[in-house]
C-alpha atoms as a PDB file:
ATOM      1  CA  MET A   1     273.657 151.716 283.028  1.00  0.00           C
ATOM      2  CA  ALA A   2     271.281 149.006 281.894  1.00  0.00           C
ATOM      3  CA  LEU A   3     270.699 148.331 278.233  1.00  0.00           C
ATOM      4  CA  ILE A   4     267.117 147.891 277.131  1.00  0.00           C
ATOM      5  CA  GLY A   5     267.864 145.956 273.984  1.00  0.00           C
ATOM      6  CA  ALA A   6     267.399 146.525 270.297  1.00  0.00           C
ATOM      7  CA  GLY A   7     264.131 144.561 270.161  1.00  0.00           C
ATOM      8  CA  VAL A   8     262.365 146.930 272.527  1.00  0.00           C
ATOM      9  CA  ILE A   9     263.552 149.956 270.564  1.00  0.00           C
ATOM     10  CA  ILE A  10     262.392 148.321 267.315  1.00  0.00           C
ATOM     11  CA  LEU A  11     258.959 147.613 268.811  1.00  0.00           C
ATOM     12  CA  CYS A  12     258.612 151.182 270.079  1.00  0.00           C
ATOM     13  CA  VAL A  13     259.518 152.632 266.685  1.00  0.00           C
ATOM     14  CA  VAL A  14     257.245 150.200 264.814  1.00  0.00           C
ATOM     15  CA  TRP A  15     254.227 150.966 267.003  1.00  0.00           C
ATOM     16  CA  ALA A  16     254.879 154.716 266.969  1.00  0.00           C
ATOM     17  CA  ILE A  17     254.976 154.669 263.159  1.00  0.00           C
ATOM     18  CA  THR A  18     251.874 152.447 263.079  1.00  0.00           C
ATOM     19  CA  ILE A  19     249.892 154.837 265.249  1.00  0.00           C
ATOM     20  CA  LEU A  20     251.081 157.815 263.201  1.00  0.00           C
ATOM     21  CA  VAL A  21     250.057 156.153 259.912  1.00  0.00           C
ATOM     22  CA  CYS A  22     246.658 155.175 261.345  1.00  0.00           C
ATOM     23  CA  ALA A  23     246.116 158.741 262.583  1.00  0.00           C
ATOM     24  CA  LEU A  24     246.992 160.111 259.152  1.00  0.00           C
ATOM     25  CA  LEU A  25     244.591 157.701 257.441  1.00  0.00           C
ATOM     26  CA  LEU A  26     241.629 158.549 259.696  1.00  0.00           C
ATOM     27  CA  ARG A  27     240.057 161.019 257.284  1.00  0.00           C
ATOM     28  CA  CYS A  28     240.656 159.026 254.095  1.00  0.00           C
ATOM     29  CA  GLU A  29     237.773 157.554 252.204  1.00  0.00           C
ATOM     30  CA  GLY A  30     237.484 154.609 249.884  1.00  0.00           C
ATOM     31  CA  PRO A  31     239.875 151.689 249.678  1.00  0.00           C
ATOM     32  CA  LEU A  32     242.679 153.730 251.238  1.00  0.00           C
ATOM     33  CA  THR A  33     241.005 153.365 254.636  1.00  0.00           C
ATOM     34  CA  TYR A  34     241.867 149.654 254.678  1.00  0.00           C
ATOM     35  CA  LEU A  35     245.564 150.497 254.588  1.00  0.00           C
ATOM     36  CA  SER A  36     245.451 151.191 258.328  1.00  0.00           C
ATOM     37  CA  LEU A  37     244.289 147.607 258.919  1.00  0.00           C
ATOM     38  CA  VAL A  38     247.205 146.347 256.841  1.00  0.00           C
ATOM     39  CA  VAL A  39     249.660 148.479 258.815  1.00  0.00           C
ATOM     40  CA  LEU A  40     248.187 147.282 262.125  1.00  0.00           C
ATOM     41  CA  THR A  41     248.381 143.660 260.998  1.00  0.00           C
ATOM     42  CA  ILE A  42     252.027 144.025 259.974  1.00  0.00           C
ATOM     43  CA  ALA A  43     252.897 145.646 263.299  1.00  0.00           C
ATOM     44  CA  LEU A  44     251.090 142.918 265.215  1.00  0.00           C
ATOM     45  CA  LEU A  45     252.824 140.150 263.242  1.00  0.00           C
ATOM     46  CA  LEU A  46     256.208 141.780 263.774  1.00  0.00           C
ATOM     47  CA  THR A  47     255.507 141.996 267.510  1.00  0.00           C
ATOM     48  CA  VAL A  48     254.568 138.317 267.668  1.00  0.00           C
ATOM     49  CA  VAL A  49     257.654 137.277 265.682  1.00  0.00           C
ATOM     50  CA  LEU A  50     259.964 139.286 267.933  1.00  0.00           C
ATOM     51  CA  TRP A  51     258.248 137.851 271.015  1.00  0.00           C
ATOM     52  CA  VAL A  52     258.730 134.262 269.789  1.00  0.00           C
ATOM     53  CA  ILE A  53     262.381 134.936 268.972  1.00  0.00           C
ATOM     54  CA  PHE A  54     262.882 136.438 272.427  1.00  0.00           C
ATOM     55  CA  LYS A  55     261.275 133.447 274.152  1.00  0.00           C
ATOM     56  CA  GLN A  56     263.360 130.963 272.142  1.00  0.00           C
ATOM     57  CA  ASP A  57     266.512 132.902 273.005  1.00  0.00           C
ATOM     58  CA  GLN A  58     265.594 132.855 276.703  1.00  0.00           C
ATOM     59  CA  GLN A  59     264.974 129.075 276.530  1.00  0.00           C
ATOM     60  CA  ARG A  60     268.402 128.548 274.951  1.00  0.00           C
ATOM     61  CA  LYS A  61     270.069 130.581 277.681  1.00  0.00           C
ATOM     62  CA  LEU A  62     268.294 128.660 280.435  1.00  0.00           C
ATOM     63  CA  GLU A  63     269.157 125.260 278.917  1.00  0.00           C
ATOM     64  CA  GLY A  64     272.851 126.108 279.035  1.00  0.00           C
ATOM     65  CA  GLY A  65     272.842 125.653 282.804  1.00  0.00           C
ATOM     66  CA  SER A  66     274.268 129.086 283.549  1.00  0.00           C
ATOM     67  CA  VAL A  67     272.599 131.680 285.743  1.00  0.00           C
ATOM     68  CA  VAL A  68     271.012 134.466 283.729  1.00  0.00           C
ATOM     69  CA  CYS A  69     270.818 137.851 285.447  1.00  0.00           C
ATOM     70  CA  ASP A  70     268.515 140.356 283.783  1.00  0.00           C
ATOM     71  CA  TYR A  71     269.764 143.815 284.753  1.00  0.00           C
ATOM     72  CA  SER A  72     267.857 145.639 282.033  1.00  0.00           C
ATOM     73  CA  VAL A  73     264.371 144.912 283.376  1.00  0.00           C
ATOM     74  CA  VAL A  74     264.045 148.423 284.845  1.00  0.00           C
ATOM     75  CA  GLY A  75     264.930 150.088 281.544  1.00  0.00           C
ATOM     76  CA  ARG A  76     262.500 147.899 279.599  1.00  0.00           C
ATOM     77  CA  THR A  77     259.750 148.535 282.130  1.00  0.00           C
ATOM     78  CA  VAL A  78     260.223 152.302 281.873  1.00  0.00           C
ATOM     79  CA  VAL A  79     260.186 152.203 278.063  1.00  0.00           C
ATOM     80  CA  PHE A  80     257.069 150.022 278.016  1.00  0.00           C
ATOM     81  CA  ALA A  81     255.335 152.261 280.579  1.00  0.00           C
ATOM     82  CA  VAL A  82     256.068 155.466 278.655  1.00  0.00           C
ATOM     83  CA  THR A  83     255.132 153.919 275.310  1.00  0.00           C
ATOM     84  CA  GLY A  84     251.982 152.292 276.730  1.00  0.00           C
ATOM     85  CA  THR A  85     250.878 155.544 278.334  1.00  0.00           C
ATOM     86  CA  GLY A  86     251.429 157.393 275.064  1.00  0.00           C
ATOM     87  CA  LEU A  87     249.488 154.700 273.210  1.00  0.00           C
ATOM     88  CA  LEU A  88     246.526 154.940 275.587  1.00  0.00           C
ATOM     89  CA  ILE A  89     246.480 158.732 275.437  1.00  0.00           C
ATOM     90  CA  GLY A  90     246.634 158.611 271.624  1.00  0.00           C
ATOM     91  CA  LEU A  91     243.853 156.045 271.355  1.00  0.00           C
ATOM     92  CA  LEU A  92     241.677 158.035 273.771  1.00  0.00           C
ATOM     93  CA  THR A  93     242.290 161.193 271.742  1.00  0.00           C
ATOM     94  CA  VAL A  94     241.344 159.434 268.490  1.00  0.00           C
ATOM     95  CA  PHE A  95     238.223 157.994 270.117  1.00  0.00           C
ATOM     96  CA  VAL A  96     237.120 161.411 271.407  1.00  0.00           C
ATOM     97  CA  PHE A  97     237.903 162.929 267.995  1.00  0.00           C
ATOM     98  CA  HIS A  98     235.662 160.367 266.294  1.00  0.00           C
ATOM     99  CA  LEU A  99     232.860 161.016 268.756  1.00  0.00           C
ATOM    100  CA  THR A 100     232.953 164.775 268.264  1.00  0.00           C
ATOM    101  CA  VAL A 101     233.590 165.037 264.527  1.00  0.00           C
ATOM    102  CA  PRO A 102     230.774 166.945 262.790  1.00  0.00           C
ATOM    103  CA  ARG A 103     228.793 165.322 260.027  1.00  0.00           C
ATOM    104  CA  ARG A 104     229.166 166.764 256.561  1.00  0.00           C
ATOM    105  CA  ALA A 105     226.140 167.549 254.453  1.00  0.00           C
ATOM    106  CA  SER A 106     225.950 165.799 251.127  1.00  0.00           C
ATOM    107  CA  ARG A 107     223.648 166.041 248.150  1.00  0.00           C
ATOM    108  CA  LEU A 108     220.650 163.787 247.970  1.00  0.00           C
ATOM    109  CA  PRO A 109     220.274 161.749 244.821  1.00  0.00           C
ATOM    110  CA  PRO A 110     217.607 163.020 242.390  1.00  0.00           C
ATOM    111  CA  TRP A 111     215.579 159.814 242.779  1.00  0.00           C
ATOM    112  CA  SER A 112     215.233 160.366 246.515  1.00  0.00           C
ATOM    113  CA  SER A 113     211.707 160.500 247.942  1.00  0.00           C
ATOM    114  CA  VAL A 114     212.461 163.794 249.677  1.00  0.00           C
ATOM    115  CA  PHE A 115     211.761 165.748 246.482  1.00  0.00           C
ATOM    116  CA  GLU A 116     208.240 164.407 246.088  1.00  0.00           C
END
């Protein structure tokens, strides 16, 4: 059985939590809405850091002169495909939700020209 690696599992968990937090913060108003941007930025930075570490590790293995056989490529591909599909379905659902959300009525200010 092929191992998919701890980095892939960490990325899947990080992005699942990021999407969940962003979905929970959709209806918030005020400065709390910017928290989703902070969470997305942290997840993106963590992804880039893990990618750079992975590439440096692969370079070190290749410089050693030994043959590197990657048997876990099928497992990683399946995890990325399932996670990517879930991400696209979630983003499409959020987009459709935002398109179909009803507008709420609010009070007009007393200085509005509607009352004249």
